Amino acid sequence: MTDSAKENSKLDAAQWLADHGDVLFRYAVRRVVSREVAEDLVQDTFVAAIRGKDRFEGRASVQTWLVGILRRKIIDYIRRQSVERKAKGIREESESELRSFFSSKGHWRKSVKSWPIDPQKSLEDAEMLQILRECCRKLSPPMSHAFQLREMDQLSTEEVCKLLGISSSNLGVRLHRARLLLRECMEKNWIEQD
């Protein structure tokens, strides 16, 4: 295959779905609540890529380029969800639900269990990742979005606050609450299984 033929095949939008659709879907489904939303975001990614393929300079692989577009689509989706929740006046979890973790003196109600295996090995454990995804899906959208953007996508605090339209202290509260709930969920669904 000549260099120009290789370039043309890289920009063949009909081939993108076959070559990269599964990767994009897995990336999206890990970051949003439902499979349907993930499918819509992947579809939007392909539409945007087709519209912008003339601007693709080939400095990255097609897959990297498509994941970059999808990442921006996911961030836009999360931003819209945050704005809609604020407009509807939807509140986060009640303080009483979160206070249930601590005594009146601020101590843990239940002792903190040590995790039985090396954390690095845990990250490689497919079962643990699946349970973590399920636990993330149980979080409220404000907490889930904050956790996803900051911890999974590793955006800076400033970027997350700007995207969600919240203060850094509010982000800190959301992340703290998300971590508490995720910890409890992981202890119930993964650590106690051993």
Protein backbone atom coordinates (compact mmCIF):
# COMPACT_ATOMS: atom_id res chain seq x y z
CA MET A 1 0.00 0.00 0.00
CA THR A 2 1.43 3.40 -0.97
CA ASP A 3 1.74 6.24 1.54
CA SER A 4 -1.18 8.15 -0.03
CA ALA A 5 -3.32 4.99 0.02
CA LYS A 6 -2.50 4.52 3.71
CA GLU A 7 -3.45 8.14 4.38
CA ASN A 8 -6.76 7.73 2.53
CA SER A 9 -7.57 4.55 4.48
CA LYS A 10 -6.91 6.43 7.74
CA LEU A 11 -9.56 8.95 6.75
CA ASP A 12 -12.08 6.38 5.53
CA ALA A 13 -15.00 7.11 7.84
CA ALA A 14 -16.77 3.92 6.82
CA GLN A 15 -13.90 1.89 8.27
CA TRP A 16 -13.74 3.82 11.58
CA LEU A 17 -16.72 2.09 13.13
CA ALA A 18 -15.30 -1.36 12.42
CA ASP A 19 -11.79 -0.45 13.54
CA HIS A 20 -12.52 1.74 16.57
CA GLY A 21 -16.19 1.42 17.53
CA ASP A 22 -15.65 -1.14 20.30
CA VAL A 23 -12.81 0.84 21.89
CA LEU A 24 -14.85 4.03 21.84
CA PHE A 25 -17.91 2.32 23.29
CA ARG A 26 -15.90 0.75 26.13
CA TYR A 27 -14.32 4.12 26.87
CA ALA A 28 -17.74 5.85 26.97
CA VAL A 29 -19.63 3.18 28.93
CA ARG A 30 -17.04 3.38 31.72
CA ARG A 31 -17.65 7.09 32.08
CA VAL A 32 -21.40 7.54 31.80
CA VAL A 33 -24.34 6.00 33.60
CA SER A 34 -26.09 4.12 30.82
CA ARG A 35 -25.25 2.13 27.73
CA GLU A 36 -27.74 4.18 25.73
CA VAL A 37 -25.97 7.43 26.60
CA ALA A 38 -22.62 5.81 25.74
CA GLU A 39 -23.99 4.71 22.35
CA ASP A 40 -25.29 8.23 21.65
CA LEU A 41 -21.96 9.78 22.58
CA VAL A 42 -20.05 7.40 20.32
CA GLN A 43 -22.44 8.17 17.48
CA ASP A 44 -21.96 11.91 18.08
CA THR A 45 -18.21 11.32 18.02
CA PHE A 46 -18.35 9.69 14.59
CA VAL A 47 -20.56 12.49 13.25
CA ALA A 48 -18.13 15.12 14.56
CA ALA A 49 -15.17 13.18 13.13
CA ILE A 50 -16.78 12.93 9.71
CA ARG A 51 -17.48 16.66 9.74
CA GLY A 52 -13.94 17.44 10.87
CA LYS A 53 -11.92 14.84 9.00
CA ASP A 54 -10.44 17.48 6.71
CA ARG A 55 -8.83 19.05 9.80
CA PHE A 56 -7.25 15.74 10.91
CA GLU A 57 -3.52 16.30 10.47
CA GLY A 58 -2.38 12.75 11.24
CA ARG A 59 -0.11 13.77 14.13
CA ALA A 60 -1.84 11.08 16.22
CA SER A 61 -3.45 7.79 15.32
CA VAL A 62 -7.06 7.85 14.16
CA GLN A 63 -8.06 6.04 17.36
CA THR A 64 -6.34 8.64 19.56
CA TRP A 65 -8.03 11.41 17.56
CA LEU A 66 -11.45 9.74 17.92
CA VAL A 67 -10.97 9.16 21.68
CA GLY A 68 -10.08 12.84 22.03
CA ILE A 69 -13.33 13.82 20.31
CA LEU A 70 -15.28 11.36 22.47
CA ARG A 71 -13.66 12.69 25.62
CA ARG A 72 -14.86 16.21 24.77
CA LYS A 73 -18.35 14.85 24.02
CA ILE A 74 -18.44 13.16 27.44
CA ILE A 75 -17.32 16.35 29.16
CA ASP A 76 -20.02 18.32 27.31
CA TYR A 77 -22.60 15.73 28.36
CA ILE A 78 -21.54 15.96 32.00
CA ARG A 79 -21.62 19.76 31.84
CA ARG A 80 -25.18 19.69 30.42
CA GLN A 81 -26.29 17.25 33.12
CA SER A 82 -24.88 19.52 35.81
CA VAL A 83 -26.63 22.58 34.39
CA GLU A 84 -29.93 20.69 34.06
CA ARG A 85 -29.75 19.44 37.66
CA LYS A 86 -29.14 22.97 38.91
CA ALA A 87 -31.99 24.34 36.80
CA LYS A 88 -34.35 21.71 38.22
CA GLY A 89 -33.15 22.37 41.76
CA ILE A 90 -32.14 18.74 42.32
CA ARG A 91 -30.14 18.36 45.52
CA GLU A 92 -27.41 15.89 46.35
CA GLU A 93 -27.64 13.17 48.97
CA SER A 94 -28.83 14.25 52.37
CA GLU A 95 -26.31 15.17 55.03
CA SER A 96 -27.87 12.59 57.35
CA GLU A 97 -27.09 9.80 54.88
CA LEU A 98 -23.44 10.82 54.82
CA ARG A 99 -23.24 11.43 58.58
CA SER A 100 -24.08 7.77 59.08
CA PHE A 101 -20.40 7.00 58.45
CA PHE A 102 -19.23 8.92 61.54
CA SER A 103 -20.04 9.12 65.25
CA SER A 104 -20.97 12.44 66.89
CA LYS A 105 -17.26 12.82 67.76
CA GLY A 106 -16.22 12.44 64.12
CA HIS A 107 -14.85 8.89 64.40
CA TRP A 108 -15.65 6.10 61.97
CA ARG A 109 -18.73 4.14 63.10
CA LYS A 110 -17.29 0.94 61.64
CA SER A 111 -13.61 0.17 61.77
CA VAL A 112 -11.79 0.64 58.52
CA LYS A 113 -10.85 -2.69 56.99
CA SER A 114 -7.49 -3.14 55.41
CA TRP A 115 -7.66 -4.19 51.81
CA PRO A 116 -6.35 -7.72 51.46
CA ILE A 117 -4.21 -7.29 48.37
CA ASP A 118 -1.74 -4.87 46.83
CA PRO A 119 -3.58 -1.82 45.35
CA GLN A 120 -1.57 -2.00 42.11
CA LYS A 121 -2.63 -5.61 41.61
CA SER A 122 -6.22 -4.58 42.37
CA LEU A 123 -6.20 -2.15 39.46
CA GLU A 124 -5.37 -5.01 37.17
CA ASP A 125 -8.14 -7.16 38.56
CA ALA A 126 -11.00 -7.10 36.04
CA GLU A 127 -13.56 -8.14 38.64
CA MET A 128 -12.58 -5.27 40.92
CA LEU A 129 -12.84 -2.78 38.06
CA GLN A 130 -16.30 -4.06 37.17
CA ILE A 131 -17.46 -3.69 40.77
CA LEU A 132 -15.94 -0.20 40.93
CA ARG A 133 -17.88 0.74 37.78
CA GLU A 134 -21.09 -0.59 39.30
CA CYS A 135 -20.42 1.33 42.52
CA CYS A 136 -19.79 4.51 40.50
CA ARG A 137 -23.14 4.03 38.77
CA LYS A 138 -24.84 4.06 42.19
CA LEU A 139 -23.51 7.54 42.98
CA SER A 140 -25.67 10.56 42.29
CA PRO A 141 -24.79 12.28 39.01
CA PRO A 142 -23.10 15.26 40.71
CA MET A 143 -20.79 13.00 42.71
CA SER A 144 -20.25 10.56 39.85
CA HIS A 145 -19.36 13.33 37.40
CA ALA A 146 -16.98 15.00 39.84
CA PHE A 147 -15.25 11.70 40.65
CA GLN A 148 -15.08 10.67 36.99
CA LEU A 149 -13.60 13.92 35.76
CA ARG A 150 -11.12 14.40 38.60
CA GLU A 151 -10.01 10.87 39.41
CA MET A 152 -10.58 8.82 36.27
CA ASP A 153 -9.97 11.46 33.57
CA GLN A 154 -7.44 13.27 35.78
CA LEU A 155 -8.59 16.77 34.92
CA SER A 156 -7.30 19.51 37.18
CA THR A 157 -9.45 20.87 39.99
CA GLU A 158 -9.81 24.13 38.08
CA GLU A 159 -10.96 22.33 34.91
CA VAL A 160 -13.53 20.23 36.78
CA CYS A 161 -14.89 23.24 38.67
CA LYS A 162 -15.23 25.19 35.43
CA LEU A 163 -16.94 22.29 33.64
CA LEU A 164 -19.41 21.64 36.46
CA GLY A 165 -19.87 25.28 37.40
CA ILE A 166 -18.96 24.70 41.05
CA SER A 167 -16.42 26.05 43.54
CA SER A 168 -13.30 24.13 44.52
CA SER A 169 -14.69 23.63 48.02
CA ASN A 170 -17.90 22.17 46.56
CA LEU A 171 -15.79 19.86 44.40
CA GLY A 172 -13.88 18.78 47.50
CA VAL A 173 -17.14 17.93 49.26
CA ARG A 174 -18.42 15.96 46.27
CA LEU A 175 -15.18 14.02 45.97
CA HIS A 176 -15.08 13.29 49.69
CA ARG A 177 -18.67 12.03 49.66
CA ALA A 178 -18.06 9.99 46.52
CA ARG A 179 -15.01 8.34 48.05
CA LEU A 180 -16.91 7.49 51.24
CA LEU A 181 -19.78 5.92 49.33
CA LEU A 182 -17.46 4.12 46.91
CA ARG A 183 -15.45 2.75 49.80
CA GLU A 184 -18.56 1.41 51.49
CA CYS A 185 -19.83 -0.09 48.24
CA MET A 186 -16.46 -1.69 47.46
CA GLU A 187 -16.23 -3.14 50.97
CA LYS A 188 -19.69 -4.68 50.65
CA ASN A 189 -19.34 -5.97 47.11
CA TRP A 190 -15.71 -6.86 46.73
CA ILE A 191 -13.64 -7.02 49.90
CA GLU A 192 -16.20 -8.98 51.91
CA GLN A 193 -16.40 -11.57 49.12
CA ASP A 194 -12.94 -12.90 49.97
